[in-house]
Amino acid sequence: MRTLRDAAVGETVTVAKVRGDGALRRRLLDMGITKGAKIFVRKSAPLGDPLELTVRGYELSIRKSDSEMVEIL
């Protein structure tokens, strides 16, 4: 399955599942990255980390290592 890390800049994706458990999963869910949410990948930093996203109408930056926890459609 594809993860958010695999999404290209300029692509809009839908969250299928947020993997993992504990504090990291809870933090992703609290930021609005939940099943069915639409995420637009705005840009990637020059060295590739972090990713800048638009989620539910606001801008968000997350590490690429954290983006591997988010499965997309």
C-alpha atoms as a PDB file:
ATOM      1  CA  MET A   1       0.000   0.000   0.000  1.00  0.00           C
ATOM      2  CA  ARG A   2       1.190   3.553  -0.715  1.00  0.00           C
ATOM      3  CA  THR A   3       2.067   5.866   2.116  1.00  0.00           C
ATOM      4  CA  LEU A   4       2.002   9.644   2.357  1.00  0.00           C
ATOM      5  CA  ARG A   5       5.778   9.605   1.849  1.00  0.00           C
ATOM      6  CA  ASP A   6       5.207   8.225  -1.681  1.00  0.00           C
ATOM      7  CA  ALA A   7       2.819  11.034  -2.699  1.00  0.00           C
ATOM      8  CA  ALA A   8       4.150  13.498  -5.268  1.00  0.00           C
ATOM      9  CA  VAL A   9       4.232  17.264  -4.774  1.00  0.00           C
ATOM     10  CA  GLY A  10       0.983  18.732  -6.128  1.00  0.00           C
ATOM     11  CA  GLU A  11      -0.978  15.523  -5.582  1.00  0.00           C
ATOM     12  CA  THR A  12      -4.173  15.311  -3.542  1.00  0.00           C
ATOM     13  CA  VAL A  13      -4.608  12.019  -1.695  1.00  0.00           C
ATOM     14  CA  THR A  14      -7.142  10.446   0.647  1.00  0.00           C
ATOM     15  CA  VAL A  15      -6.116   8.849   3.941  1.00  0.00           C
ATOM     16  CA  ALA A  16      -6.951   5.135   4.075  1.00  0.00           C
ATOM     17  CA  LYS A  17      -5.470   4.350   7.495  1.00  0.00           C
ATOM     18  CA  VAL A  18      -3.157   5.739  10.148  1.00  0.00           C
ATOM     19  CA  ARG A  19      -0.875   2.937  11.360  1.00  0.00           C
ATOM     20  CA  GLY A  20       0.976   2.575  14.600  1.00  0.00           C
ATOM     21  CA  ASP A  21       0.008   3.210  18.167  1.00  0.00           C
ATOM     22  CA  GLY A  22       0.896   5.421  21.053  1.00  0.00           C
ATOM     23  CA  ALA A  23       1.796   9.083  21.076  1.00  0.00           C
ATOM     24  CA  LEU A  24       2.801   9.417  17.403  1.00  0.00           C
ATOM     25  CA  ARG A  25      -0.495   7.996  16.118  1.00  0.00           C
ATOM     26  CA  ARG A  26      -2.456  10.169  18.545  1.00  0.00           C
ATOM     27  CA  ARG A  27      -0.535  13.258  17.394  1.00  0.00           C
ATOM     28  CA  LEU A  28      -1.277  12.545  13.712  1.00  0.00           C
ATOM     29  CA  LEU A  29      -4.967  12.049  14.497  1.00  0.00           C
ATOM     30  CA  ASP A  30      -5.067  15.258  16.546  1.00  0.00           C
ATOM     31  CA  MET A  31      -3.601  17.171  13.587  1.00  0.00           C
ATOM     32  CA  GLY A  32      -6.572  16.103  11.455  1.00  0.00           C
ATOM     33  CA  ILE A  33      -4.953  13.231   9.577  1.00  0.00           C
ATOM     34  CA  THR A  34      -7.818  10.771   9.952  1.00  0.00           C
ATOM     35  CA  LYS A  35      -9.380   8.122   7.710  1.00  0.00           C
ATOM     36  CA  GLY A  36     -11.077   9.769   4.734  1.00  0.00           C
ATOM     37  CA  ALA A  37      -9.307  13.142   5.092  1.00  0.00           C
ATOM     38  CA  LYS A  38      -8.095  14.781   1.878  1.00  0.00           C
ATOM     39  CA  ILE A  39      -4.448  15.865   1.944  1.00  0.00           C
ATOM     40  CA  PHE A  40      -2.802  18.128  -0.627  1.00  0.00           C
ATOM     41  CA  VAL A  41       0.994  17.804  -0.776  1.00  0.00           C
ATOM     42  CA  ARG A  42       2.106  21.446  -1.179  1.00  0.00           C
ATOM     43  CA  LYS A  43       5.872  21.039  -1.263  1.00  0.00           C
ATOM     44  CA  SER A  44       8.902  19.244   0.047  1.00  0.00           C
ATOM     45  CA  ALA A  45      11.824  20.983   1.718  1.00  0.00           C
ATOM     46  CA  PRO A  46      15.042  21.289  -0.330  1.00  0.00           C
ATOM     47  CA  LEU A  47      16.634  18.298   1.371  1.00  0.00           C
ATOM     48  CA  GLY A  48      13.354  16.365   1.260  1.00  0.00           C
ATOM     49  CA  ASP A  49      12.348  16.676   4.894  1.00  0.00           C
ATOM     50  CA  PRO A  50       9.781  17.850   6.087  1.00  0.00           C
ATOM     51  CA  LEU A  51       6.721  17.688   3.832  1.00  0.00           C
ATOM     52  CA  GLU A  52       4.358  20.652   3.741  1.00  0.00           C
ATOM     53  CA  LEU A  53       0.715  19.606   3.530  1.00  0.00           C
ATOM     54  CA  THR A  54      -2.731  21.172   3.452  1.00  0.00           C
ATOM     55  CA  VAL A  55      -5.138  19.227   5.652  1.00  0.00           C
ATOM     56  CA  ARG A  56      -8.730  20.310   6.343  1.00  0.00           C
ATOM     57  CA  GLY A  57      -7.990  23.878   5.265  1.00  0.00           C
ATOM     58  CA  TYR A  58      -4.802  24.512   7.235  1.00  0.00           C
ATOM     59  CA  GLU A  59      -1.105  24.068   6.545  1.00  0.00           C
ATOM     60  CA  LEU A  60       0.907  21.411   8.295  1.00  0.00           C
ATOM     61  CA  SER A  61       4.518  20.218   8.162  1.00  0.00           C
ATOM     62  CA  ILE A  62       5.452  16.681   9.140  1.00  0.00           C
ATOM     63  CA  ARG A  63       8.623  14.621   8.974  1.00  0.00           C
ATOM     64  CA  LYS A  64       8.941  12.059   6.211  1.00  0.00           C
ATOM     65  CA  SER A  65       9.484   9.358   8.844  1.00  0.00           C
ATOM     66  CA  ASP A  66       6.088  10.277  10.352  1.00  0.00           C
ATOM     67  CA  SER A  67       4.444  10.333   6.917  1.00  0.00           C
ATOM     68  CA  GLU A  68       5.246   6.623   6.515  1.00  0.00           C
ATOM     69  CA  MET A  69       2.597   5.912   9.168  1.00  0.00           C
ATOM     70  CA  VAL A  70      -0.187   7.257   6.899  1.00  0.00           C
ATOM     71  CA  GLU A  71      -1.546   4.889   4.242  1.00  0.00           C
ATOM     72  CA  ILE A  72      -3.197   6.620   1.288  1.00  0.00           C
ATOM     73  CA  LEU A  73      -5.484   5.775  -1.603  1.00  0.00           C
END
